[in-house]
């Protein structure tokens, strides 16, 4: 029984978090305080806290301790193809989108390679920051082929690019290839997102195709990891 004490502590803390005793953005008692509270060793407390961290209940932040994470996360479908606005509307959230950049230019080397373009092509570069619950938690960087989308405005980008492409331009968006990685935040991430205490960014790269198999969009979506859960359904 003694060897499982960290599991008992873990479950008690999970229950306290779920019941609101420790709300999101609050901090758990320190390791020393928990050691006294549960009359156990510091190693046992650390095991319980590590399990809480692994399962997404807390984030260990230097100088603050164990910060409780928001358990109301967005479920991002891995195999689905939905816009951020559609996802937010389906969950009743009211996020705010800020257009950080909207420009038309020749693609850089990274975009040329990702979209199989030459250096003389023209692409829209749209950089948008998604704010949820008062925090900037997503940086979306879109690259869209100008020949297929000759007009984009800030108002369109703040609302829904996909609604405009499908509803106004009549484009038939069909499928996408996705790559998901965990990376160190860049200087741009740290400047544009609220990343205090977070040392990892979840990056989703989308290669989006029309129904005629034309690759028309490349998106790099950079997520703060505490607010999102990536889900899929599999059948054998």
C-alpha atoms as a PDB file:
ATOM      1  CA  UNK A   1       0.000   0.000   0.000  1.00  0.00           C
ATOM      2  CA  UNK A   2       2.864   2.324   0.864  1.00  0.00           C
ATOM      3  CA  UNK A   3       4.343   2.144  -2.631  1.00  0.00           C
ATOM      4  CA  UNK A   4       1.049   3.390  -4.107  1.00  0.00           C
ATOM      5  CA  UNK A   5       0.694   6.392  -1.842  1.00  0.00           C
ATOM      6  CA  UNK A   6       1.650   8.795  -4.643  1.00  0.00           C
ATOM      7  CA  UNK A   7      -1.330   7.451  -6.627  1.00  0.00           C
ATOM      8  CA  UNK A   8      -3.649   8.142  -3.708  1.00  0.00           C
ATOM      9  CA  UNK A   9      -2.312  11.694  -3.471  1.00  0.00           C
ATOM     10  CA  UNK A  10      -2.597  12.102  -7.241  1.00  0.00           C
ATOM     11  CA  UNK A  11      -6.275  11.052  -7.255  1.00  0.00           C
ATOM     12  CA  UNK A  12      -7.102  13.300  -4.319  1.00  0.00           C
ATOM     13  CA  UNK A  13      -5.512  16.293  -6.056  1.00  0.00           C
ATOM     14  CA  UNK A  14      -7.290  15.472  -9.325  1.00  0.00           C
ATOM     15  CA  UNK A  15     -10.608  15.401  -7.463  1.00  0.00           C
ATOM     16  CA  UNK A  16      -9.796  18.734  -5.789  1.00  0.00           C
ATOM     17  CA  UNK A  17      -8.981  20.290  -9.166  1.00  0.00           C
ATOM     18  CA  UNK A  18     -12.152  18.957 -10.785  1.00  0.00           C
ATOM     19  CA  UNK A  19     -14.264  20.170  -7.856  1.00  0.00           C
ATOM     20  CA  UNK A  20     -12.858  23.680  -8.169  1.00  0.00           C
ATOM     21  CA  UNK A  21     -10.903  23.654  -4.928  1.00  0.00           C
ATOM     22  CA  UNK A  22      -7.913  24.568  -7.089  1.00  0.00           C
ATOM     23  CA  UNK A  23      -9.326  26.575 -10.038  1.00  0.00           C
ATOM     24  CA  UNK A  24      -7.520  27.154 -13.332  1.00  0.00           C
ATOM     25  CA  UNK A  25      -4.476  29.467 -13.046  1.00  0.00           C
ATOM     26  CA  UNK A  26      -4.249  28.970  -9.289  1.00  0.00           C
ATOM     27  CA  UNK A  27      -1.262  27.164  -7.787  1.00  0.00           C
ATOM     28  CA  UNK A  28      -1.144  23.994  -5.746  1.00  0.00           C
ATOM     29  CA  UNK A  29       0.485  24.091  -2.313  1.00  0.00           C
ATOM     30  CA  UNK A  30       4.275  23.871  -2.492  1.00  0.00           C
ATOM     31  CA  UNK A  31       6.088  20.540  -2.347  1.00  0.00           C
ATOM     32  CA  UNK A  32       7.006  21.231   1.288  1.00  0.00           C
ATOM     33  CA  UNK A  33       3.403  22.070   2.167  1.00  0.00           C
ATOM     34  CA  UNK A  34       2.107  18.933   0.439  1.00  0.00           C
ATOM     35  CA  UNK A  35       4.760  16.860   2.210  1.00  0.00           C
ATOM     36  CA  UNK A  36       3.466  18.123   5.560  1.00  0.00           C
ATOM     37  CA  UNK A  37      -0.178  17.822   4.533  1.00  0.00           C
ATOM     38  CA  UNK A  38       0.085  14.187   3.473  1.00  0.00           C
ATOM     39  CA  UNK A  39       2.765  13.214   6.011  1.00  0.00           C
ATOM     40  CA  UNK A  40       4.944  11.636   3.362  1.00  0.00           C
ATOM     41  CA  UNK A  41       8.275  12.064   1.628  1.00  0.00           C
ATOM     42  CA  UNK A  42       9.109  14.762  -0.884  1.00  0.00           C
ATOM     43  CA  UNK A  43       9.874  12.065  -3.456  1.00  0.00           C
ATOM     44  CA  UNK A  44       6.320  10.715  -3.136  1.00  0.00           C
ATOM     45  CA  UNK A  45       4.897  14.208  -3.640  1.00  0.00           C
ATOM     46  CA  UNK A  46       7.081  14.725  -6.700  1.00  0.00           C
ATOM     47  CA  UNK A  47       5.804  11.474  -8.216  1.00  0.00           C
ATOM     48  CA  UNK A  48       2.215  12.631  -7.724  1.00  0.00           C
ATOM     49  CA  UNK A  49       2.961  16.060  -9.209  1.00  0.00           C
ATOM     50  CA  UNK A  50       4.783  14.536 -12.177  1.00  0.00           C
ATOM     51  CA  UNK A  51       1.718  12.399 -12.900  1.00  0.00           C
ATOM     52  CA  UNK A  52      -0.521  15.460 -12.672  1.00  0.00           C
ATOM     53  CA  UNK A  53       1.753  17.222 -15.151  1.00  0.00           C
ATOM     54  CA  UNK A  54       1.848  14.271 -17.545  1.00  0.00           C
ATOM     55  CA  UNK A  55      -1.944  14.070 -17.590  1.00  0.00           C
ATOM     56  CA  UNK A  56      -2.471  17.760 -18.233  1.00  0.00           C
ATOM     57  CA  UNK A  57      -3.722  18.936 -14.842  1.00  0.00           C
ATOM     58  CA  UNK A  58      -0.808  21.211 -13.934  1.00  0.00           C
ATOM     59  CA  UNK A  59       2.119  23.036 -15.506  1.00  0.00           C
ATOM     60  CA  UNK A  60       5.275  23.431 -13.467  1.00  0.00           C
ATOM     61  CA  UNK A  61       6.330  27.058 -13.796  1.00  0.00           C
ATOM     62  CA  UNK A  62       9.666  28.274 -12.478  1.00  0.00           C
ATOM     63  CA  UNK A  63       9.128  30.823  -9.745  1.00  0.00           C
ATOM     64  CA  UNK A  64       5.436  30.005  -9.375  1.00  0.00           C
ATOM     65  CA  UNK A  65       5.180  26.297  -8.635  1.00  0.00           C
ATOM     66  CA  UNK A  66       2.475  23.970  -9.934  1.00  0.00           C
ATOM     67  CA  UNK A  67      -0.060  26.037 -11.893  1.00  0.00           C
ATOM     68  CA  UNK A  68      -3.463  24.413 -12.416  1.00  0.00           C
ATOM     69  CA  UNK A  69      -4.448  24.213 -16.091  1.00  0.00           C
ATOM     70  CA  UNK A  70      -7.868  24.885 -17.565  1.00  0.00           C
ATOM     71  CA  UNK A  71      -9.613  21.559 -18.103  1.00  0.00           C
ATOM     72  CA  UNK A  72     -12.070  23.040 -20.612  1.00  0.00           C
ATOM     73  CA  UNK A  73     -10.008  22.351 -23.710  1.00  0.00           C
ATOM     74  CA  UNK A  74     -10.754  22.626 -27.393  1.00  0.00           C
ATOM     75  CA  UNK A  75     -11.008  19.220 -29.053  1.00  0.00           C
ATOM     76  CA  UNK A  76      -9.192  19.546 -32.368  1.00  0.00           C
ATOM     77  CA  UNK A  77     -10.131  16.708 -34.766  1.00  0.00           C
ATOM     78  CA  UNK A  78      -6.925  15.276 -36.193  1.00  0.00           C
ATOM     79  CA  UNK A  79      -8.562  13.805 -39.293  1.00  0.00           C
ATOM     80  CA  UNK A  80     -11.235  16.482 -39.785  1.00  0.00           C
ATOM     81  CA  UNK A  81     -10.927  19.678 -41.781  1.00  0.00           C
ATOM     82  CA  UNK A  82     -12.726  22.511 -40.001  1.00  0.00           C
ATOM     83  CA  UNK A  83     -11.983  26.181 -39.658  1.00  0.00           C
ATOM     84  CA  UNK A  84     -11.141  27.711 -36.305  1.00  0.00           C
ATOM     85  CA  UNK A  85     -14.387  29.710 -36.426  1.00  0.00           C
ATOM     86  CA  UNK A  86     -16.437  26.542 -37.023  1.00  0.00           C
ATOM     87  CA  UNK A  87     -14.713  24.846 -34.114  1.00  0.00           C
ATOM     88  CA  UNK A  88     -15.218  27.812 -31.799  1.00  0.00           C
ATOM     89  CA  UNK A  89     -18.887  28.164 -32.794  1.00  0.00           C
ATOM     90  CA  UNK A  90     -19.518  24.474 -32.131  1.00  0.00           C
ATOM     91  CA  UNK A  91     -18.134  24.817 -28.598  1.00  0.00           C
ATOM     92  CA  UNK A  92     -19.877  28.073 -27.735  1.00  0.00           C
ATOM     93  CA  UNK A  93     -16.598  29.910 -27.211  1.00  0.00           C
ATOM     94  CA  UNK A  94     -16.170  33.563 -28.159  1.00  0.00           C
ATOM     95  CA  UNK A  95     -12.516  33.864 -29.157  1.00  0.00           C
ATOM     96  CA  UNK A  96     -11.026  36.991 -30.649  1.00  0.00           C
ATOM     97  CA  UNK A  97      -8.958  36.926 -33.834  1.00  0.00           C
ATOM     98  CA  UNK A  98      -6.375  39.629 -34.499  1.00  0.00           C
ATOM     99  CA  UNK A  99      -4.752  39.908 -37.919  1.00  0.00           C
ATOM    100  CA  UNK A 100      -1.070  40.499 -37.242  1.00  0.00           C
ATOM    101  CA  UNK A 101      -0.045  40.504 -40.904  1.00  0.00           C
ATOM    102  CA  UNK A 102      -1.771  40.423 -44.297  1.00  0.00           C
ATOM    103  CA  UNK A 103       0.580  40.743 -47.253  1.00  0.00           C
ATOM    104  CA  UNK A 104       1.101  39.604 -50.823  1.00  0.00           C
ATOM    105  CA  UNK A 105       4.610  38.564 -51.779  1.00  0.00           C
ATOM    106  CA  UNK A 106       6.824  35.976 -53.400  1.00  0.00           C
ATOM    107  CA  UNK A 107       7.190  32.810 -51.282  1.00  0.00           C
ATOM    108  CA  UNK A 108      10.281  32.285 -49.183  1.00  0.00           C
ATOM    109  CA  UNK A 109      12.297  29.068 -49.447  1.00  0.00           C
ATOM    110  CA  UNK A 110      10.211  27.266 -46.813  1.00  0.00           C
ATOM    111  CA  UNK A 111       6.904  28.047 -48.545  1.00  0.00           C
ATOM    112  CA  UNK A 112       8.330  27.247 -51.990  1.00  0.00           C
ATOM    113  CA  UNK A 113       9.310  23.805 -50.761  1.00  0.00           C
ATOM    114  CA  UNK A 114       6.082  23.167 -48.837  1.00  0.00           C
ATOM    115  CA  UNK A 115       3.814  24.188 -51.731  1.00  0.00           C
ATOM    116  CA  UNK A 116       6.049  23.204 -54.658  1.00  0.00           C
ATOM    117  CA  UNK A 117       6.129  26.777 -55.978  1.00  0.00           C
ATOM    118  CA  UNK A 118       8.758  28.735 -57.854  1.00  0.00           C
ATOM    119  CA  UNK A 119      10.228  31.979 -56.610  1.00  0.00           C
ATOM    120  CA  UNK A 120       8.130  34.079 -59.021  1.00  0.00           C
ATOM    121  CA  UNK A 121       4.791  32.863 -57.649  1.00  0.00           C
ATOM    122  CA  UNK A 122       2.626  35.123 -55.518  1.00  0.00           C
ATOM    123  CA  UNK A 123       1.124  34.040 -52.203  1.00  0.00           C
ATOM    124  CA  UNK A 124      -0.936  35.686 -49.530  1.00  0.00           C
ATOM    125  CA  UNK A 125       0.703  35.598 -46.126  1.00  0.00           C
ATOM    126  CA  UNK A 126      -1.859  35.835 -43.327  1.00  0.00           C
ATOM    127  CA  UNK A 127      -0.696  35.809 -39.709  1.00  0.00           C
ATOM    128  CA  UNK A 128      -3.503  35.664 -37.111  1.00  0.00           C
ATOM    129  CA  UNK A 129      -3.458  35.545 -33.320  1.00  0.00           C
ATOM    130  CA  UNK A 130      -6.281  33.686 -31.547  1.00  0.00           C
ATOM    131  CA  UNK A 131      -7.230  34.923 -28.098  1.00  0.00           C
ATOM    132  CA  UNK A 132      -9.269  32.642 -25.837  1.00  0.00           C
ATOM    133  CA  UNK A 133     -10.258  33.590 -22.315  1.00  0.00           C
ATOM    134  CA  UNK A 134      -8.054  36.667 -22.396  1.00  0.00           C
ATOM    135  CA  UNK A 135      -4.917  34.787 -23.475  1.00  0.00           C
ATOM    136  CA  UNK A 136      -3.235  34.719 -26.882  1.00  0.00           C
ATOM    137  CA  UNK A 137      -2.847  30.964 -27.371  1.00  0.00           C
ATOM    138  CA  UNK A 138      -2.647  30.274 -31.138  1.00  0.00           C
ATOM    139  CA  UNK A 139      -0.556  31.787 -33.894  1.00  0.00           C
ATOM    140  CA  UNK A 140      -1.922  30.813 -37.316  1.00  0.00           C
ATOM    141  CA  UNK A 141       0.344  31.458 -40.301  1.00  0.00           C
ATOM    142  CA  UNK A 142      -1.420  30.880 -43.628  1.00  0.00           C
ATOM    143  CA  UNK A 143       0.031  30.917 -47.139  1.00  0.00           C
ATOM    144  CA  UNK A 144      -2.555  30.934 -49.938  1.00  0.00           C
ATOM    145  CA  UNK A 145      -1.945  30.930 -53.702  1.00  0.00           C
ATOM    146  CA  UNK A 146      -2.846  34.308 -55.191  1.00  0.00           C
ATOM    147  CA  UNK A 147      -3.903  32.906 -58.593  1.00  0.00           C
ATOM    148  CA  UNK A 148      -6.768  31.060 -56.884  1.00  0.00           C
ATOM    149  CA  UNK A 149      -7.597  33.766 -54.335  1.00  0.00           C
ATOM    150  CA  UNK A 150      -7.029  37.188 -55.945  1.00  0.00           C
ATOM    151  CA  UNK A 151      -8.548  39.131 -53.044  1.00  0.00           C
ATOM    152  CA  UNK A 152      -8.248  38.960 -49.266  1.00  0.00           C
ATOM    153  CA  UNK A 153      -9.069  41.641 -46.713  1.00  0.00           C
ATOM    154  CA  UNK A 154      -8.461  42.082 -43.020  1.00  0.00           C
ATOM    155  CA  UNK A 155     -12.213  41.740 -42.391  1.00  0.00           C
ATOM    156  CA  UNK A 156     -12.338  38.390 -44.191  1.00  0.00           C
ATOM    157  CA  UNK A 157      -9.325  37.109 -42.251  1.00  0.00           C
ATOM    158  CA  UNK A 158     -10.776  38.218 -38.905  1.00  0.00           C
ATOM    159  CA  UNK A 159     -14.006  36.354 -39.646  1.00  0.00           C
ATOM    160  CA  UNK A 160     -13.423  33.148 -41.647  1.00  0.00           C
ATOM    161  CA  UNK A 161     -11.235  32.668 -44.706  1.00  0.00           C
ATOM    162  CA  UNK A 162     -12.879  29.314 -45.476  1.00  0.00           C
ATOM    163  CA  UNK A 163     -16.385  30.824 -45.402  1.00  0.00           C
ATOM    164  CA  UNK A 164     -15.206  33.394 -47.962  1.00  0.00           C
ATOM    165  CA  UNK A 165     -13.421  30.853 -50.179  1.00  0.00           C
ATOM    166  CA  UNK A 166     -16.365  28.486 -50.264  1.00  0.00           C
ATOM    167  CA  UNK A 167     -19.256  30.944 -50.087  1.00  0.00           C
ATOM    168  CA  UNK A 168     -17.966  33.830 -52.205  1.00  0.00           C
ATOM    169  CA  UNK A 169     -15.353  32.287 -54.494  1.00  0.00           C
ATOM    170  CA  UNK A 170     -17.038  28.892 -54.874  1.00  0.00           C
ATOM    171  CA  UNK A 171     -13.868  26.917 -54.155  1.00  0.00           C
ATOM    172  CA  UNK A 172     -14.377  23.297 -53.159  1.00  0.00           C
ATOM    173  CA  UNK A 173     -11.997  22.578 -50.258  1.00  0.00           C
ATOM    174  CA  UNK A 174     -11.640  18.822 -50.142  1.00  0.00           C
ATOM    175  CA  UNK A 175      -8.861  17.338 -47.999  1.00  0.00           C
ATOM    176  CA  UNK A 176      -5.654  18.041 -46.113  1.00  0.00           C
ATOM    177  CA  UNK A 177      -2.452  16.375 -45.023  1.00  0.00           C
ATOM    178  CA  UNK A 178      -1.431  17.181 -41.449  1.00  0.00           C
ATOM    179  CA  UNK A 179       1.831  17.003 -39.550  1.00  0.00           C
ATOM    180  CA  UNK A 180       1.871  17.472 -35.770  1.00  0.00           C
ATOM    181  CA  UNK A 181       5.076  18.132 -33.847  1.00  0.00           C
ATOM    182  CA  UNK A 182       6.156  19.580 -30.498  1.00  0.00           C
ATOM    183  CA  UNK A 183       8.804  22.279 -30.801  1.00  0.00           C
ATOM    184  CA  UNK A 184      10.653  24.897 -28.800  1.00  0.00           C
ATOM    185  CA  UNK A 185       8.955  28.308 -29.068  1.00  0.00           C
ATOM    186  CA  UNK A 186      10.544  30.750 -31.471  1.00  0.00           C
ATOM    187  CA  UNK A 187      11.203  34.405 -30.680  1.00  0.00           C
ATOM    188  CA  UNK A 188       8.079  35.221 -32.720  1.00  0.00           C
ATOM    189  CA  UNK A 189       6.013  32.810 -30.601  1.00  0.00           C
ATOM    190  CA  UNK A 190       7.227  34.443 -27.410  1.00  0.00           C
ATOM    191  CA  UNK A 191       6.538  37.937 -28.748  1.00  0.00           C
ATOM    192  CA  UNK A 192       3.021  37.222 -29.996  1.00  0.00           C
ATOM    193  CA  UNK A 193       1.663  34.564 -27.617  1.00  0.00           C
ATOM    194  CA  UNK A 194       1.202  34.413 -23.845  1.00  0.00           C
ATOM    195  CA  UNK A 195       3.783  31.720 -23.130  1.00  0.00           C
ATOM    196  CA  UNK A 196       4.920  32.496 -19.609  1.00  0.00           C
ATOM    197  CA  UNK A 197       6.011  29.199 -18.092  1.00  0.00           C
ATOM    198  CA  UNK A 198       5.463  27.137 -21.255  1.00  0.00           C
ATOM    199  CA  UNK A 199       8.547  25.676 -22.887  1.00  0.00           C
ATOM    200  CA  UNK A 200       6.817  23.809 -25.746  1.00  0.00           C
ATOM    201  CA  UNK A 201       4.632  24.748 -28.708  1.00  0.00           C
ATOM    202  CA  UNK A 202       2.414  22.233 -30.530  1.00  0.00           C
ATOM    203  CA  UNK A 203       2.793  22.874 -34.259  1.00  0.00           C
ATOM    204  CA  UNK A 204       0.265  21.633 -36.808  1.00  0.00           C
ATOM    205  CA  UNK A 205       1.227  21.944 -40.462  1.00  0.00           C
ATOM    206  CA  UNK A 206      -1.710  21.674 -42.859  1.00  0.00           C
ATOM    207  CA  UNK A 207      -1.357  21.109 -46.584  1.00  0.00           C
ATOM    208  CA  UNK A 208      -4.859  21.859 -47.887  1.00  0.00           C
ATOM    209  CA  UNK A 209      -6.172  20.729 -51.287  1.00  0.00           C
ATOM    210  CA  UNK A 210      -9.149  21.488 -53.523  1.00  0.00           C
ATOM    211  CA  UNK A 211     -11.282  18.677 -54.917  1.00  0.00           C
ATOM    212  CA  UNK A 212      -9.167  18.607 -58.095  1.00  0.00           C
ATOM    213  CA  UNK A 213      -6.123  17.824 -55.888  1.00  0.00           C
ATOM    214  CA  UNK A 214      -4.665  21.341 -56.235  1.00  0.00           C
ATOM    215  CA  UNK A 215      -2.597  22.330 -53.201  1.00  0.00           C
ATOM    216  CA  UNK A 216      -3.780  25.886 -52.581  1.00  0.00           C
ATOM    217  CA  UNK A 217      -2.929  26.540 -48.918  1.00  0.00           C
ATOM    218  CA  UNK A 218      -0.172  25.780 -46.460  1.00  0.00           C
ATOM    219  CA  UNK A 219      -0.857  26.575 -42.814  1.00  0.00           C
ATOM    220  CA  UNK A 220       1.408  26.472 -39.796  1.00  0.00           C
ATOM    221  CA  UNK A 221      -0.702  26.627 -36.650  1.00  0.00           C
ATOM    222  CA  UNK A 222       1.272  27.122 -33.446  1.00  0.00           C
ATOM    223  CA  UNK A 223      -0.587  26.230 -30.236  1.00  0.00           C
ATOM    224  CA  UNK A 224       0.123  26.839 -26.572  1.00  0.00           C
ATOM    225  CA  UNK A 225      -0.239  23.264 -25.281  1.00  0.00           C
ATOM    226  CA  UNK A 226      -2.519  23.701 -22.260  1.00  0.00           C
ATOM    227  CA  UNK A 227      -5.718  24.724 -24.051  1.00  0.00           C
ATOM    228  CA  UNK A 228      -6.016  22.035 -26.687  1.00  0.00           C
ATOM    229  CA  UNK A 229      -6.593  18.333 -27.027  1.00  0.00           C
ATOM    230  CA  UNK A 230      -6.095  16.583 -30.358  1.00  0.00           C
ATOM    231  CA  UNK A 231      -8.551  13.759 -30.907  1.00  0.00           C
ATOM    232  CA  UNK A 232      -9.432  11.211 -33.553  1.00  0.00           C
ATOM    233  CA  UNK A 233     -11.670   8.187 -34.000  1.00  0.00           C
ATOM    234  CA  UNK A 234     -10.188   4.962 -35.275  1.00  0.00           C
ATOM    235  CA  UNK A 235     -11.846   1.738 -36.337  1.00  0.00           C
ATOM    236  CA  UNK A 236     -10.201  -1.588 -37.086  1.00  0.00           C
END
